[in-house]
Amino acid sequence: MRGKKYRQSPYDPCVYFSRLPDGEYIYLLMYVGGMLIVSKSRSLINKLKSRLSSEFDIRDLGEAKGTWHVD
């Protein structure tokens, strides 16, 4: 991912991010057997998924389910 304008988080080696021209971010969180893509822009998420699927055999499991609480 580093070769694709994504930077690795200094806090977690499984998190990559890229700052978008409008100041927003897109995040790619990788873990054993899966990944999560997070951004406010659905079109950028779809572009990244398309690019990844052209290079790797991936399966889209849809949107993440559940409720997140930050205290």
PDB file of N, CA and C in Angstrom:
ATOM      1  N   MET A   1       0.822  -1.192   0.000  1.00  0.00           N
ATOM      2  CA  MET A   1       0.000   0.000   0.000  1.00  0.00           C
ATOM      3  C   MET A   1       0.865   1.255   0.000  1.00  0.00           C
ATOM      4  N   ARG A   2       2.049   1.153   0.562  1.00  0.00           N
ATOM      5  CA  ARG A   2       2.907   2.328   0.601  1.00  0.00           C
ATOM      6  C   ARG A   2       3.234   2.827  -0.794  1.00  0.00           C
ATOM      7  N   GLY A   3       3.333   1.929  -1.772  1.00  0.00           N
ATOM      8  CA  GLY A   3       3.607   2.327  -3.139  1.00  0.00           C
ATOM      9  C   GLY A   3       2.407   2.945  -3.835  1.00  0.00           C
ATOM     10  N   LYS A   4       1.268   2.969  -3.194  1.00  0.00           N
ATOM     11  CA  LYS A   4       0.036   3.494  -3.787  1.00  0.00           C
ATOM     12  C   LYS A   4      -0.447   4.752  -3.063  1.00  0.00           C
ATOM     13  N   LYS A   5       0.483   5.543  -2.560  1.00  0.00           N
ATOM     14  CA  LYS A   5       0.193   6.810  -1.884  1.00  0.00           C
ATOM     15  C   LYS A   5      -0.529   6.640  -0.555  1.00  0.00           C
ATOM     16  N   TYR A   6      -0.366   5.506   0.072  1.00  0.00           N
ATOM     17  CA  TYR A   6      -0.907   5.283   1.410  1.00  0.00           C
ATOM     18  C   TYR A   6       0.257   5.246   2.379  1.00  0.00           C
ATOM     19  N   ARG A   7       0.049   5.813   3.555  1.00  0.00           N
ATOM     20  CA  ARG A   7       1.086   5.807   4.587  1.00  0.00           C
ATOM     21  C   ARG A   7       0.689   4.838   5.683  1.00  0.00           C
ATOM     22  N   GLN A   8       1.684   4.175   6.240  1.00  0.00           N
ATOM     23  CA  GLN A   8       1.429   3.261   7.352  1.00  0.00           C
ATOM     24  C   GLN A   8       1.350   4.073   8.639  1.00  0.00           C
ATOM     25  N   SER A   9       0.379   3.750   9.468  1.00  0.00           N
ATOM     26  CA  SER A   9       0.211   4.446  10.737  1.00  0.00           C
ATOM     27  C   SER A   9       1.422   4.202  11.636  1.00  0.00           C
ATOM     28  N   PRO A  10       1.904   5.246  12.310  1.00  0.00           N
ATOM     29  CA  PRO A  10       3.000   5.030  13.262  1.00  0.00           C
ATOM     30  C   PRO A  10       2.526   4.333  14.538  1.00  0.00           C
ATOM     31  N   TYR A  11       1.209   4.230  14.712  1.00  0.00           N
ATOM     32  CA  TYR A  11       0.641   3.635  15.925  1.00  0.00           C
ATOM     33  C   TYR A  11       0.242   2.178  15.760  1.00  0.00           C
ATOM     34  N   ASP A  12      -0.064   1.772  14.529  1.00  0.00           N
ATOM     35  CA  ASP A  12      -0.491   0.398  14.279  1.00  0.00           C
ATOM     36  C   ASP A  12      -0.039   0.002  12.879  1.00  0.00           C
ATOM     37  N   PRO A  13       0.816  -1.008  12.750  1.00  0.00           N
ATOM     38  CA  PRO A  13       1.337  -1.388  11.433  1.00  0.00           C
ATOM     39  C   PRO A  13       0.286  -1.991  10.504  1.00  0.00           C
ATOM     40  N   CYS A  14      -0.903  -2.263  10.989  1.00  0.00           N
ATOM     41  CA  CYS A  14      -1.971  -2.831  10.164  1.00  0.00           C
ATOM     42  C   CYS A  14      -2.916  -1.765   9.621  1.00  0.00           C
ATOM     43  N   VAL A  15      -2.636  -0.497   9.904  1.00  0.00           N
ATOM     44  CA  VAL A  15      -3.490   0.606   9.463  1.00  0.00           C
ATOM     45  C   VAL A  15      -2.730   1.458   8.453  1.00  0.00           C
ATOM     46  N   TYR A  16      -3.356   1.658   7.293  1.00  0.00           N
ATOM     47  CA  TYR A  16      -2.809   2.524   6.258  1.00  0.00           C
ATOM     48  C   TYR A  16      -3.833   3.619   5.988  1.00  0.00           C
ATOM     49  N   PHE A  17      -3.339   4.805   5.600  1.00  0.00           N
ATOM     50  CA  PHE A  17      -4.251   5.906   5.332  1.00  0.00           C
ATOM     51  C   PHE A  17      -3.696   6.796   4.238  1.00  0.00           C
ATOM     52  N   SER A  18      -4.600   7.547   3.631  1.00  0.00           N
ATOM     53  CA  SER A  18      -4.231   8.506   2.605  1.00  0.00           C
ATOM     54  C   SER A  18      -5.089   9.751   2.788  1.00  0.00           C
ATOM     55  N   ARG A  19      -4.446  10.902   2.718  1.00  0.00           N
ATOM     56  CA  ARG A  19      -5.198  12.157   2.811  1.00  0.00           C
ATOM     57  C   ARG A  19      -5.672  12.526   1.408  1.00  0.00           C
ATOM     58  N   LEU A  20      -6.944  12.844   1.308  1.00  0.00           N
ATOM     59  CA  LEU A  20      -7.550  13.164   0.033  1.00  0.00           C
ATOM     60  C   LEU A  20      -7.414  14.658  -0.259  1.00  0.00           C
ATOM     61  N   PRO A  21      -7.542  15.051  -1.527  1.00  0.00           N
ATOM     62  CA  PRO A  21      -7.374  16.463  -1.878  1.00  0.00           C
ATOM     63  C   PRO A  21      -8.286  17.424  -1.113  1.00  0.00           C
ATOM     64  N   ASP A  22      -9.465  16.966  -0.711  1.00  0.00           N
ATOM     65  CA  ASP A  22     -10.392  17.839   0.014  1.00  0.00           C
ATOM     66  C   ASP A  22     -10.126  17.866   1.519  1.00  0.00           C
ATOM     67  N   GLY A  23      -9.042  17.221   1.956  1.00  0.00           N
ATOM     68  CA  GLY A  23      -8.690  17.211   3.374  1.00  0.00           C
ATOM     69  C   GLY A  23      -9.240  16.027   4.143  1.00  0.00           C
ATOM     70  N   GLU A  24     -10.115  15.243   3.540  1.00  0.00           N
ATOM     71  CA  GLU A  24     -10.643  14.030   4.183  1.00  0.00           C
ATOM     72  C   GLU A  24      -9.601  12.916   4.093  1.00  0.00           C
ATOM     73  N   TYR A  25      -9.884  11.809   4.763  1.00  0.00           N
ATOM     74  CA  TYR A  25      -8.977  10.660   4.763  1.00  0.00           C
ATOM     75  C   TYR A  25      -9.715   9.406   4.323  1.00  0.00           C
ATOM     76  N   ILE A  26      -8.944   8.450   3.817  1.00  0.00           N
ATOM     77  CA  ILE A  26      -9.446   7.098   3.590  1.00  0.00           C
ATOM     78  C   ILE A  26      -8.498   6.169   4.341  1.00  0.00           C
ATOM     79  N   TYR A  27      -9.063   5.219   5.061  1.00  0.00           N
ATOM     80  CA  TYR A  27      -8.288   4.298   5.888  1.00  0.00           C
ATOM     81  C   TYR A  27      -8.486   2.865   5.411  1.00  0.00           C
ATOM     82  N   LEU A  28      -7.412   2.098   5.451  1.00  0.00           N
ATOM     83  CA  LEU A  28      -7.453   0.671   5.149  1.00  0.00           C
ATOM     84  C   LEU A  28      -6.888  -0.039   6.372  1.00  0.00           C
ATOM     85  N   LEU A  29      -7.739  -0.796   7.047  1.00  0.00           N
ATOM     86  CA  LEU A  29      -7.334  -1.533   8.243  1.00  0.00           C
ATOM     87  C   LEU A  29      -7.248  -3.002   7.859  1.00  0.00           C
ATOM     88  N   MET A  30      -6.056  -3.571   7.945  1.00  0.00           N
ATOM     89  CA  MET A  30      -5.853  -4.962   7.541  1.00  0.00           C
ATOM     90  C   MET A  30      -5.631  -5.829   8.770  1.00  0.00           C
ATOM     91  N   TYR A  31      -6.183  -7.026   8.712  1.00  0.00           N
ATOM     92  CA  TYR A  31      -6.000  -7.998   9.781  1.00  0.00           C
ATOM     93  C   TYR A  31      -6.032  -9.375   9.145  1.00  0.00           C
ATOM     94  N   VAL A  32      -5.718 -10.385   9.910  1.00  0.00           N
ATOM     95  CA  VAL A  32      -5.632 -11.739   9.377  1.00  0.00           C
ATOM     96  C   VAL A  32      -6.960 -12.129   8.732  1.00  0.00           C
ATOM     97  N   GLY A  33      -6.914 -12.397   7.445  1.00  0.00           N
ATOM     98  CA  GLY A  33      -8.102 -12.861   6.743  1.00  0.00           C
ATOM     99  C   GLY A  33      -9.099 -11.796   6.350  1.00  0.00           C
ATOM    100  N   GLY A  34      -8.781 -10.525   6.524  1.00  0.00           N
ATOM    101  CA  GLY A  34      -9.745  -9.514   6.140  1.00  0.00           C
ATOM    102  C   GLY A  34      -9.213  -8.106   6.203  1.00  0.00           C
ATOM    103  N   MET A  35     -10.060  -7.172   5.782  1.00  0.00           N
ATOM    104  CA  MET A  35      -9.719  -5.761   5.848  1.00  0.00           C
ATOM    105  C   MET A  35     -10.988  -4.941   5.949  1.00  0.00           C
ATOM    106  N   LEU A  36     -10.827  -3.714   6.407  1.00  0.00           N
ATOM    107  CA  LEU A  36     -11.933  -2.780   6.526  1.00  0.00           C
ATOM    108  C   LEU A  36     -11.483  -1.482   5.886  1.00  0.00           C
ATOM    109  N   ILE A  37     -12.304  -0.919   5.001  1.00  0.00           N
ATOM    110  CA  ILE A  37     -12.008   0.352   4.348  1.00  0.00           C
ATOM    111  C   ILE A  37     -12.980   1.375   4.901  1.00  0.00           C
ATOM    112  N   VAL A  38     -12.452   2.525   5.341  1.00  0.00           N
ATOM    113  CA  VAL A  38     -13.271   3.547   5.977  1.00  0.00           C
ATOM    114  C   VAL A  38     -13.012   4.896   5.319  1.00  0.00           C
ATOM    115  N   SER A  39     -14.082   5.578   4.931  1.00  0.00           N
ATOM    116  CA  SER A  39     -14.010   6.931   4.384  1.00  0.00           C
ATOM    117  C   SER A  39     -15.407   7.511   4.350  1.00  0.00           C
ATOM    118  N   LYS A  40     -15.501   8.828   4.321  1.00  0.00           N
ATOM    119  CA  LYS A  40     -16.801   9.470   4.153  1.00  0.00           C
ATOM    120  C   LYS A  40     -17.278   9.344   2.715  1.00  0.00           C
ATOM    121  N   SER A  41     -16.355   9.080   1.781  1.00  0.00           N
ATOM    122  CA  SER A  41     -16.683   9.020   0.364  1.00  0.00           C
ATOM    123  C   SER A  41     -16.882   7.580  -0.107  1.00  0.00           C
ATOM    124  N   ARG A  42     -18.110   7.233  -0.413  1.00  0.00           N
ATOM    125  CA  ARG A  42     -18.403   5.887  -0.903  1.00  0.00           C
ATOM    126  C   ARG A  42     -17.716   5.643  -2.243  1.00  0.00           C
ATOM    127  N   SER A  43     -17.625   6.654  -3.107  1.00  0.00           N
ATOM    128  CA  SER A  43     -16.990   6.465  -4.412  1.00  0.00           C
ATOM    129  C   SER A  43     -15.505   6.141  -4.258  1.00  0.00           C
ATOM    130  N   LEU A  44     -14.826   6.750  -3.295  1.00  0.00           N
ATOM    131  CA  LEU A  44     -13.416   6.425  -3.077  1.00  0.00           C
ATOM    132  C   LEU A  44     -13.247   5.024  -2.508  1.00  0.00           C
ATOM    133  N   ILE A  45     -14.166   4.605  -1.655  1.00  0.00           N
ATOM    134  CA  ILE A  45     -14.134   3.233  -1.141  1.00  0.00           C
ATOM    135  C   ILE A  45     -14.277   2.260  -2.299  1.00  0.00           C
ATOM    136  N   ASN A  46     -15.234   2.523  -3.188  1.00  0.00           N
ATOM    137  CA  ASN A  46     -15.455   1.638  -4.335  1.00  0.00           C
ATOM    138  C   ASN A  46     -14.251   1.616  -5.272  1.00  0.00           C
ATOM    139  N   LYS A  47     -13.593   2.769  -5.477  1.00  0.00           N
ATOM    140  CA  LYS A  47     -12.398   2.808  -6.326  1.00  0.00           C
ATOM    141  C   LYS A  47     -11.274   1.975  -5.719  1.00  0.00           C
ATOM    142  N   LEU A  48     -11.083   2.085  -4.412  1.00  0.00           N
ATOM    143  CA  LEU A  48     -10.034   1.310  -3.761  1.00  0.00           C
ATOM    144  C   LEU A  48     -10.353  -0.179  -3.827  1.00  0.00           C
ATOM    145  N   LYS A  49     -11.607  -0.550  -3.596  1.00  0.00           N
ATOM    146  CA  LYS A  49     -11.993  -1.963  -3.687  1.00  0.00           C
ATOM    147  C   LYS A  49     -11.753  -2.494  -5.100  1.00  0.00           C
ATOM    148  N   SER A  50     -12.062  -1.697  -6.096  1.00  0.00           N
ATOM    149  CA  SER A  50     -11.853  -2.106  -7.488  1.00  0.00           C
ATOM    150  C   SER A  50     -10.365  -2.295  -7.780  1.00  0.00           C
ATOM    151  N   ARG A  51      -9.555  -1.363  -7.313  1.00  0.00           N
ATOM    152  CA  ARG A  51      -8.109  -1.467  -7.532  1.00  0.00           C
ATOM    153  C   ARG A  51      -7.538  -2.698  -6.827  1.00  0.00           C
ATOM    154  N   LEU A  52      -7.974  -2.943  -5.597  1.00  0.00           N
ATOM    155  CA  LEU A  52      -7.485  -4.111  -4.858  1.00  0.00           C
ATOM    156  C   LEU A  52      -7.929  -5.412  -5.516  1.00  0.00           C
ATOM    157  N   SER A  53      -9.169  -5.449  -6.013  1.00  0.00           N
ATOM    158  CA  SER A  53      -9.662  -6.682  -6.626  1.00  0.00           C
ATOM    159  C   SER A  53      -8.981  -6.973  -7.960  1.00  0.00           C
ATOM    160  N   SER A  54      -8.405  -5.957  -8.602  1.00  0.00           N
ATOM    161  CA  SER A  54      -7.663  -6.205  -9.838  1.00  0.00           C
ATOM    162  C   SER A  54      -6.287  -6.802  -9.557  1.00  0.00           C
ATOM    163  N   GLU A  55      -5.802  -6.649  -8.320  1.00  0.00           N
ATOM    164  CA  GLU A  55      -4.486  -7.173  -7.947  1.00  0.00           C
ATOM    165  C   GLU A  55      -4.555  -8.423  -7.071  1.00  0.00           C
ATOM    166  N   PHE A  56      -5.649  -8.580  -6.336  1.00  0.00           N
ATOM    167  CA  PHE A  56      -5.776  -9.674  -5.382  1.00  0.00           C
ATOM    168  C   PHE A  56      -7.135 -10.340  -5.534  1.00  0.00           C
ATOM    169  N   ASP A  57      -7.223 -11.575  -5.091  1.00  0.00           N
ATOM    170  CA  ASP A  57      -8.489 -12.292  -5.076  1.00  0.00           C
ATOM    171  C   ASP A  57      -9.205 -11.924  -3.779  1.00  0.00           C
ATOM    172  N   ILE A  58     -10.161 -10.998  -3.866  1.00  0.00           N
ATOM    173  CA  ILE A  58     -10.852 -10.553  -2.662  1.00  0.00           C
ATOM    174  C   ILE A  58     -12.348 -10.809  -2.793  1.00  0.00           C
ATOM    175  N   ARG A  59     -13.014 -10.859  -1.654  1.00  0.00           N
ATOM    176  CA  ARG A  59     -14.465 -11.046  -1.608  1.00  0.00           C
ATOM    177  C   ARG A  59     -15.044  -9.911  -0.770  1.00  0.00           C
ATOM    178  N   ASP A  60     -16.014  -9.221  -1.317  1.00  0.00           N
ATOM    179  CA  ASP A  60     -16.652  -8.102  -0.627  1.00  0.00           C
ATOM    180  C   ASP A  60     -17.761  -8.649   0.276  1.00  0.00           C
ATOM    181  N   LEU A  61     -17.634  -8.434   1.570  1.00  0.00           N
ATOM    182  CA  LEU A  61     -18.629  -8.910   2.527  1.00  0.00           C
ATOM    183  C   LEU A  61     -19.653  -7.840   2.873  1.00  0.00           C
ATOM    184  N   GLY A  62     -19.597  -6.701   2.186  1.00  0.00           N
ATOM    185  CA  GLY A  62     -20.562  -5.637   2.427  1.00  0.00           C
ATOM    186  C   GLY A  62     -20.145  -4.719   3.558  1.00  0.00           C
ATOM    187  N   GLU A  63     -21.092  -3.911   3.981  1.00  0.00           N
ATOM    188  CA  GLU A  63     -20.814  -2.947   5.035  1.00  0.00           C
ATOM    189  C   GLU A  63     -20.612  -3.633   6.377  1.00  0.00           C
ATOM    190  N   ALA A  64     -19.761  -3.026   7.191  1.00  0.00           N
ATOM    191  CA  ALA A  64     -19.534  -3.527   8.548  1.00  0.00           C
ATOM    192  C   ALA A  64     -20.804  -3.319   9.359  1.00  0.00           C
ATOM    193  N   LYS A  65     -21.132  -4.264  10.170  1.00  0.00           N
ATOM    194  CA  LYS A  65     -22.332  -4.186  11.006  1.00  0.00           C
ATOM    195  C   LYS A  65     -21.922  -4.003  12.452  1.00  0.00           C
ATOM    196  N   GLY A  66     -22.780  -3.389  13.224  1.00  0.00           N
ATOM    197  CA  GLY A  66     -22.515  -3.231  14.636  1.00  0.00           C
ATOM    198  C   GLY A  66     -22.568  -1.771  15.059  1.00  0.00           C
ATOM    199  N   THR A  67     -22.433  -1.551  16.325  1.00  0.00           N
ATOM    200  CA  THR A  67     -22.477  -0.213  16.879  1.00  0.00           C
ATOM    201  C   THR A  67     -21.160   0.060  17.573  1.00  0.00           C
ATOM    202  N   TRP A  68     -20.602   1.213  17.294  1.00  0.00           N
ATOM    203  CA  TRP A  68     -19.340   1.616  17.903  1.00  0.00           C
ATOM    204  C   TRP A  68     -19.607   2.760  18.876  1.00  0.00           C
ATOM    205  N   HIS A  69     -19.014   2.677  20.032  1.00  0.00           N
ATOM    206  CA  HIS A  69     -19.128   3.743  21.014  1.00  0.00           C
ATOM    207  C   HIS A  69     -17.740   4.183  21.415  1.00  0.00           C
ATOM    208  N   VAL A  70     -17.540   5.485  21.433  1.00  0.00           N
ATOM    209  CA  VAL A  70     -16.262   6.030  21.894  1.00  0.00           C
ATOM    210  C   VAL A  70     -16.542   6.781  23.175  1.00  0.00           C
ATOM    211  N   ASP A  71     -15.862   6.383  24.238  1.00  0.00           N
ATOM    212  CA  ASP A  71     -16.054   7.043  25.531  1.00  0.00           C
ATOM    213  C   ASP A  71     -14.937   8.013  25.802  1.00  0.00           C
TER     214      ASP A  71
END
